Protein backbone atom coordinates (compact mmCIF):
# COMPACT_ATOMS: atom_id res chain seq x y z
CA MET A 1 -17.64 -16.84 -1.63
CA ILE A 2 -14.71 -18.81 -2.96
CA ARG A 3 -12.94 -15.84 -4.58
CA ILE A 4 -12.83 -14.05 -1.23
CA LEU A 5 -12.06 -17.32 0.50
CA PHE A 6 -9.03 -17.84 -1.73
CA LEU A 7 -7.74 -14.33 -1.17
CA PHE A 8 -7.71 -14.58 2.59
CA LEU A 9 -6.85 -18.24 3.02
CA PHE A 10 -4.05 -18.38 0.50
CA PHE A 11 -1.80 -15.43 1.04
CA PRO A 12 -1.90 -11.68 1.72
CA GLY A 13 -2.51 -9.48 -1.29
CA PHE A 14 -5.65 -8.68 -3.17
CA LEU A 15 -5.62 -10.10 -6.64
CA PHE A 16 -4.00 -12.91 -8.59
CA ALA A 17 -0.67 -13.70 -10.18
CA VAL A 18 -0.79 -10.27 -11.76
CA THR A 19 -0.52 -8.90 -8.24
CA PRO A 20 2.25 -9.34 -5.65
CA GLY A 21 1.79 -12.21 -3.25
CA LYS A 22 -1.22 -13.66 -5.02
CA TRP A 23 -1.81 -16.68 -7.15
CA SER A 24 -4.87 -18.29 -8.69
CA HIS A 25 -4.86 -21.36 -10.91
CA LEU A 26 -7.59 -19.64 -12.96
CA ASP A 27 -5.43 -16.66 -13.94
CA LYS A 28 -4.35 -18.17 -17.24
CA PHE A 29 -8.00 -18.62 -18.29
CA VAL A 30 -8.69 -14.92 -17.62
CA PHE A 31 -5.43 -13.09 -18.30
CA GLY A 32 -3.53 -15.62 -20.41
CA ASN A 33 -4.05 -17.64 -23.55
CA SER A 34 -5.28 -20.87 -21.95
CA LEU A 35 -8.85 -21.87 -22.79
CA ASN A 36 -11.58 -24.09 -21.35
CA GLY A 37 -10.19 -24.86 -17.93
CA PRO A 38 -11.80 -26.78 -15.08
CA VAL A 39 -15.58 -26.69 -14.82
CA ARG A 40 -15.78 -27.53 -11.14
CA GLU A 41 -13.63 -27.15 -8.04
CA VAL A 42 -14.20 -28.87 -4.71
CA VAL A 43 -12.48 -27.68 -1.53
CA LYS A 44 -12.02 -30.15 1.33
CA ASN A 45 -10.66 -29.63 4.81
CA ALA A 46 -7.89 -31.74 6.35
CA SER A 47 -10.46 -34.38 7.32
CA GLY A 48 -11.73 -34.70 3.76
CA LYS A 49 -15.03 -32.91 4.34
CA VAL A 50 -16.30 -30.73 1.49
CA ILE A 51 -16.43 -27.14 2.70
CA TYR A 52 -16.79 -25.20 -0.55
CA THR A 53 -17.53 -25.73 -4.24
CA ALA A 54 -17.18 -23.59 -7.34
CA ASN A 55 -18.59 -24.09 -10.84
CA TYR A 56 -16.88 -22.38 -13.78
CA ASP A 57 -18.48 -21.21 -17.04
CA TYR A 58 -16.64 -20.33 -20.26
CA ASP A 59 -17.71 -18.42 -23.36
CA SER A 60 -17.60 -19.77 -26.92
CA ASN A 61 -13.95 -18.69 -27.15
CA GLY A 62 -13.01 -20.68 -24.06
CA LYS A 63 -12.49 -17.67 -21.76
CA LEU A 64 -13.67 -17.88 -18.16
CA ILE A 65 -16.75 -15.66 -17.74
CA LYS A 66 -18.34 -16.75 -14.47
CA GLU A 67 -17.55 -18.47 -11.19
CA SER A 68 -20.53 -19.64 -9.13
CA TYR A 69 -19.97 -20.58 -5.48
CA LEU A 70 -21.68 -23.02 -3.14
CA ASN A 71 -21.16 -23.14 0.61
CA GLU A 72 -20.71 -26.15 2.86
CA GLU A 73 -24.44 -26.92 2.70
CA GLY A 74 -24.45 -26.70 -1.10
CA LYS A 75 -26.36 -23.40 -1.10
CA PRO A 76 -25.49 -20.52 -3.47
CA ASP A 77 -22.88 -18.20 -1.95
CA GLY A 78 -22.20 -15.59 -4.60
CA SER A 79 -20.39 -15.36 -7.91
CA THR A 80 -17.67 -13.58 -9.87
CA GLN A 81 -18.25 -12.42 -13.44
CA PHE A 82 -15.67 -11.30 -16.01
CA GLN A 83 -16.08 -8.90 -18.92
CA TYR A 84 -13.77 -8.88 -21.95
CA LYS A 85 -13.00 -6.49 -24.77
CA ASP A 86 -11.02 -7.65 -27.82
CA GLY A 87 -10.15 -10.83 -25.96
CA LYS A 88 -8.76 -9.06 -22.87
CA VAL A 89 -10.41 -8.89 -19.47
CA VAL A 90 -11.41 -5.32 -18.59
CA ARG A 91 -13.72 -5.80 -15.63
CA GLU A 92 -14.34 -8.27 -12.81
CA GLU A 93 -17.43 -8.09 -10.60
CA LEU A 94 -17.98 -9.89 -7.30
CA PHE A 95 -21.57 -10.58 -6.15
CA ASN A 96 -22.78 -11.87 -2.79
CA LYS A 97 -25.30 -14.65 -2.23
CA GLU A 98 -28.16 -12.16 -2.72
CA ASN A 99 -26.65 -11.38 -6.15
CA LEU A 100 -25.75 -7.85 -5.06
CA LEU A 101 -22.56 -6.30 -6.40
CA ILE A 102 -20.03 -5.85 -3.59
CA GLU A 103 -16.71 -5.31 -5.38
CA THR A 104 -15.42 -4.35 -8.82
CA LYS A 105 -11.96 -4.59 -10.35
CA THR A 106 -10.98 -2.82 -13.56
CA PHE A 107 -7.96 -3.53 -15.76
CA ARG A 108 -6.15 -1.03 -17.96
CA TYR A 109 -3.68 -1.96 -20.71
CA ASN A 110 -0.60 -0.25 -22.12
CA PRO A 111 0.06 0.09 -25.89
CA LYS A 112 1.87 -3.28 -25.84
CA GLY A 113 -1.28 -4.99 -24.60
CA SER A 114 -0.08 -5.69 -21.05
CA ILE A 115 -1.98 -4.70 -17.92
CA ASP A 116 -0.44 -1.60 -16.35
CA LEU A 117 -3.16 -0.60 -13.88
CA ILE A 118 -5.59 -2.53 -11.69
CA GLU A 119 -8.13 -0.72 -9.53
CA VAL A 120 -10.45 -2.19 -6.91
CA PHE A 121 -13.71 -0.45 -5.96
CA ASP A 122 -16.30 -1.15 -3.28
CA LYS A 123 -20.04 -1.48 -3.88
CA GLU A 124 -20.48 2.32 -3.87
CA GLY A 125 -17.74 2.76 -6.45
CA LYS A 126 -15.18 4.06 -3.95
CA LEU A 127 -11.58 3.31 -4.87
CA LEU A 128 -10.03 0.90 -2.37
CA ILE A 129 -6.78 -0.31 -3.92
CA LYS A 130 -4.68 0.65 -6.91
CA SER A 131 -1.85 -1.41 -8.36
CA ASN A 132 0.47 0.03 -11.01
CA ILE A 133 2.46 -2.59 -12.91
CA ASN A 134 5.68 -1.38 -14.50
CA SER A 135 6.94 -4.56 -16.16
CA TRP A 136 6.09 -8.21 -16.73
CA GLU A 137 7.92 -11.56 -16.61
CA LYS A 138 5.76 -14.05 -18.50
CA GLU A 139 2.51 -14.33 -16.47
CA PHE A 140 3.92 -12.47 -13.46
CA ALA A 141 4.01 -8.78 -12.68
CA ARG A 142 7.77 -8.19 -12.53
CA SER A 143 7.71 -4.82 -10.79
CA GLY A 144 5.29 -2.16 -9.64
CA GLN A 145 3.55 -0.71 -6.64
CA THR A 146 0.27 -1.11 -4.76
CA SER A 147 -1.45 1.66 -2.78
CA TRP A 148 -4.40 1.61 -0.40
CA SER A 149 -6.71 4.62 -0.55
CA GLU A 150 -7.86 4.61 3.07
CA SER A 151 -4.59 3.89 4.88
CA LYS A 152 -2.42 5.66 2.28
CA GLU A 153 0.04 2.78 2.54
CA VAL A 154 2.20 2.04 -0.47
CA GLU A 155 4.04 -1.19 -1.21
CA THR A 156 6.42 -2.00 -4.04
CA PHE A 157 7.16 -5.42 -5.47
CA SER A 158 9.75 -7.08 -7.69
CA LEU A 159 10.30 -10.51 -9.23
CA ILE A 160 13.73 -12.17 -9.27
CA GLN A 161 14.89 -15.32 -11.05
CA ASP A 162 17.45 -17.46 -9.23
CA GLU A 163 20.73 -17.33 -11.17
CA LYS A 164 21.73 -20.86 -10.11
CA ASN A 165 18.26 -22.34 -10.50
CA PRO A 166 16.24 -20.74 -13.34
CA LYS A 167 13.20 -22.82 -12.34
CA LEU A 168 12.93 -20.81 -9.11
CA LEU A 169 11.32 -17.35 -9.02
CA THR A 170 11.01 -15.09 -5.98
CA GLN A 171 8.62 -12.18 -5.64
CA ASN A 172 9.53 -9.71 -2.89
CA ILE A 173 7.30 -7.03 -1.37
CA TYR A 174 8.62 -3.88 0.32
CA ASN A 175 7.00 -1.15 2.42
CA GLU A 176 7.49 2.59 2.04
CA GLU A 177 10.73 2.39 4.03
CA LYS A 178 11.99 -0.14 1.46
CA LYS A 179 11.98 -2.85 4.11
CA GLN A 180 11.07 -6.31 2.83
CA ILE A 181 7.80 -7.41 4.44
CA ALA A 182 6.93 -10.52 2.44
CA SER A 183 8.24 -12.89 -0.20
CA THR A 184 6.83 -15.67 -2.35
CA LYS A 185 8.88 -18.42 -3.98
CA PHE A 186 7.62 -20.24 -7.08
CA GLU A 187 9.30 -23.51 -8.11
CA TYR A 188 8.68 -25.10 -11.53
CA ASP A 189 9.48 -28.43 -13.14
CA GLU A 190 11.24 -29.01 -16.46
CA LYS A 191 7.93 -28.71 -18.34
CA GLY A 192 7.14 -25.32 -16.86
CA ASN A 193 4.49 -26.56 -14.42
CA LEU A 194 4.32 -24.77 -11.08
CA LEU A 195 5.11 -27.34 -8.37
CA THR A 196 5.25 -25.39 -5.12
CA ARG A 197 4.52 -21.90 -3.96
CA ILE A 198 5.75 -20.74 -0.55
CA ASN A 199 4.77 -17.40 0.95
CA THR A 200 6.59 -15.91 3.93
CA GLN A 201 5.36 -12.90 5.85
CA GLY A 202 6.97 -12.30 9.21
CA GLU A 203 6.85 -15.56 11.11
CA GLN A 204 4.02 -16.94 9.00
CA GLU A 205 4.75 -19.42 6.21
CA ARG A 206 2.17 -20.86 3.83
CA LYS A 207 2.54 -23.30 0.98
CA ASN A 208 0.71 -24.67 -2.06
CA GLN A 209 1.66 -28.00 -3.62
CA LEU A 210 0.29 -28.73 -7.10
CA ASN A 211 -0.45 -31.96 -8.95
CA TYR A 212 -1.02 -32.50 -12.70
CA ASP A 213 -2.37 -35.22 -14.97
CA SER A 214 -0.63 -36.66 -18.05
CA ASN A 215 -2.01 -33.77 -20.14
CA ARG A 216 -0.36 -31.21 -17.83
CA ARG A 217 -3.73 -30.13 -16.48
CA LEU A 218 -3.81 -29.12 -12.84
CA ILE A 219 -5.97 -31.69 -11.04
CA SER A 220 -5.42 -30.75 -7.38
CA PHE A 221 -3.46 -28.53 -5.06
CA THR A 222 -3.06 -28.36 -1.31
CA PHE A 223 -2.79 -25.49 1.16
CA HIS A 224 -0.47 -25.83 4.14
CA VAL A 225 0.70 -23.65 7.03
CA LYS A 226 3.92 -24.15 8.97
CA GLN A 227 3.43 -24.81 12.67
CA ASN A 228 6.27 -25.84 15.00
CA ASN A 229 8.55 -26.24 11.97
CA LYS A 230 6.15 -28.73 10.36
CA TRP A 231 3.83 -28.25 7.40
CA GLU A 232 0.21 -28.81 8.44
CA LEU A 233 -2.38 -29.57 5.75
CA LEU A 234 -5.42 -27.29 5.95
CA LYS A 235 -7.22 -27.71 2.63
CA THR A 236 -7.20 -29.67 -0.60
CA HIS A 237 -8.64 -28.32 -3.86
CA GLU A 238 -9.75 -30.86 -6.47
CA LEU A 239 -10.41 -29.79 -10.07
CA PHE A 240 -12.70 -31.45 -12.61
CA TYR A 241 -12.79 -31.04 -16.39
CA LYS A 242 -15.23 -31.91 -19.16
């Protein structure tokens, strides 16, 4: 399933830009004000072979309501469905290829209309992960903490803007001992388009590079890992619009 595939192939974390260490180009069509995004996404490996496909459906208001996944053979491989209330997403459900619910995320909002709590549940309804968001910086969670029910681990995160380069944002993640364990750098162009995203965790470094058309629509992005001080291309994601 592409949603799970993204979570584990991109970077550690468990959700999207609203969560530390995560990013999804679809966030703005779920959490933001952008409407009617890409209708299809094709993932290719470094050799150019198609290894995954996703089709995206939108409601009459232009909000993303369903992602349908196809595996390497073009067979159905699950889906993600979104539920909204008053224009805001309140629930996200992940289904496997047998169309059985395997994971649920719920979103709570503060009086200002910003998400302040995200909870992740397994198929039995058991709480797995909880993320409290204290403040926001545009589309990013500026500060907060994430806790895991089973391990009892707690991580905090914060977002910092570079004083010398305002187009560069850094999101840092800390463990319970307040030791930094990961960071993600976001670099933008003059138009506000995200150009690169580099995640560092220990000795592992991963990068996304993004490309846009003349209408500022994201048309492709690549996923790289650093090996022997060189960036190695692993995957390319191509996006298609109506």
